[in-house]
Amino acid sequence: RNVTRTGPQETSQKAARRALGRSGSQRNAIYEEVKSRGSDGMTCDEICVVLQMLVQSATPAINTLANDGWLEDSGLRRNTRSGREAIVWVAIP
């Protein structure tokens, strides 16, 4: 019998990849949209505009994606529609 051994990190990453698609259509939509922007990334405000989401829905989804290792703070900041500086999020492939 052929057995492939994987380390705990690889196993966790595979499980997270499988779960992303099932873990909520909003989170999946956010991840795919941010990923499509490459290194330009997106702010929460931009995500809300493009995906027609409320900030109250987008913010927790973004935080979950960041905590789970799907998005990260690029270190860049852009102004929101209200003129405030906001984190520019980028996808982790």
Protein backbone atom coordinates (compact mmCIF):
# COMPACT_ATOMS: atom_id res chain seq x y z
CA ARG A 1 0.00 0.00 0.00
CA ASN A 2 1.29 3.44 -0.94
CA VAL A 3 1.16 5.93 1.95
CA THR A 4 1.99 9.60 1.53
CA ARG A 5 3.07 11.37 4.67
CA THR A 6 2.31 15.04 5.15
CA GLY A 7 3.31 17.34 7.94
CA PRO A 8 0.77 19.02 10.21
CA GLN A 9 1.14 22.40 8.47
CA GLU A 10 0.49 20.91 5.02
CA THR A 11 -2.50 18.98 6.35
CA SER A 12 -3.92 22.16 7.92
CA GLN A 13 -3.41 24.11 4.72
CA LYS A 14 -5.21 21.45 2.68
CA ALA A 15 -8.11 21.42 5.13
CA ALA A 16 -8.33 25.22 5.04
CA ARG A 17 -8.38 25.20 1.23
CA ARG A 18 -11.26 22.72 1.22
CA ALA A 19 -13.13 24.71 3.86
CA LEU A 20 -12.77 28.10 2.15
CA GLY A 21 -15.21 27.20 -0.59
CA ARG A 22 -17.75 25.90 1.93
CA SER A 23 -17.13 28.38 4.71
CA GLY A 24 -19.30 31.15 3.40
CA SER A 25 -19.98 32.62 0.03
CA GLN A 26 -19.10 36.12 1.25
CA ARG A 27 -15.66 35.06 2.46
CA ASN A 28 -15.05 33.16 -0.75
CA ALA A 29 -16.18 36.14 -2.87
CA ILE A 30 -13.92 38.50 -0.90
CA TYR A 31 -10.91 36.21 -1.20
CA GLU A 32 -11.38 35.71 -4.95
CA GLU A 33 -11.87 39.45 -5.59
CA VAL A 34 -8.83 40.45 -3.53
CA LYS A 35 -6.78 37.69 -5.17
CA SER A 36 -7.76 38.97 -8.62
CA ARG A 37 -6.23 42.37 -7.75
CA GLY A 38 -2.78 40.90 -7.13
CA SER A 39 -0.33 43.16 -5.33
CA ASP A 40 -2.71 46.15 -5.69
CA GLY A 41 -5.00 44.52 -3.13
CA MET A 42 -8.18 46.09 -1.83
CA THR A 43 -9.39 48.02 1.17
CA CYS A 44 -12.51 46.97 3.06
CA ASP A 45 -14.26 50.00 1.56
CA GLU A 46 -13.34 48.91 -1.97
CA ILE A 47 -14.54 45.38 -1.23
CA CYS A 48 -17.87 46.78 0.00
CA VAL A 49 -18.34 48.82 -3.18
CA VAL A 50 -17.34 46.10 -5.64
CA LEU A 51 -19.19 43.25 -3.93
CA GLN A 52 -22.11 45.43 -2.76
CA MET A 53 -21.62 44.42 0.85
CA LEU A 54 -22.26 46.22 4.09
CA VAL A 55 -19.16 47.05 6.10
CA GLN A 56 -20.75 45.15 9.00
CA SER A 57 -20.59 41.99 6.87
CA ALA A 58 -17.27 42.62 5.13
CA THR A 59 -15.18 43.46 8.19
CA PRO A 60 -15.67 40.20 10.12
CA ALA A 61 -15.23 38.17 6.92
CA ILE A 62 -11.95 39.98 6.16
CA ASN A 63 -10.75 39.47 9.73
CA THR A 64 -11.56 35.76 9.56
CA LEU A 65 -9.73 35.43 6.24
CA ALA A 66 -6.71 37.23 7.70
CA ASN A 67 -6.73 35.14 10.89
CA ASP A 68 -6.98 31.95 8.81
CA GLY A 69 -4.04 32.96 6.61
CA TRP A 70 -5.91 33.83 3.39
CA LEU A 71 -5.40 37.62 3.46
CA GLU A 72 -2.66 39.79 4.86
CA ASP A 73 -2.03 43.47 5.47
CA SER A 74 0.13 44.63 2.55
CA GLY A 75 1.57 47.47 4.62
CA LEU A 76 -0.01 49.93 2.17
CA ARG A 77 -2.82 52.33 3.00
CA ARG A 78 -5.40 53.96 0.72
CA ASN A 79 -8.09 56.47 1.44
CA THR A 80 -11.68 55.32 1.77
CA ARG A 81 -14.63 57.20 0.27
CA SER A 82 -14.80 59.18 3.51
CA GLY A 83 -11.12 60.14 3.29
CA ARG A 84 -9.80 57.90 6.05
CA GLU A 85 -6.73 55.74 5.58
CA ALA A 86 -7.47 52.04 5.35
CA ILE A 87 -5.47 48.81 5.25
CA VAL A 88 -4.86 47.43 1.79
CA TRP A 89 -5.42 43.67 1.97
CA VAL A 90 -3.71 41.22 -0.38
CA ALA A 91 -4.41 37.53 -0.91
CA ILE A 92 -2.00 34.84 0.16
CA PRO A 93 -1.98 32.28 -2.65
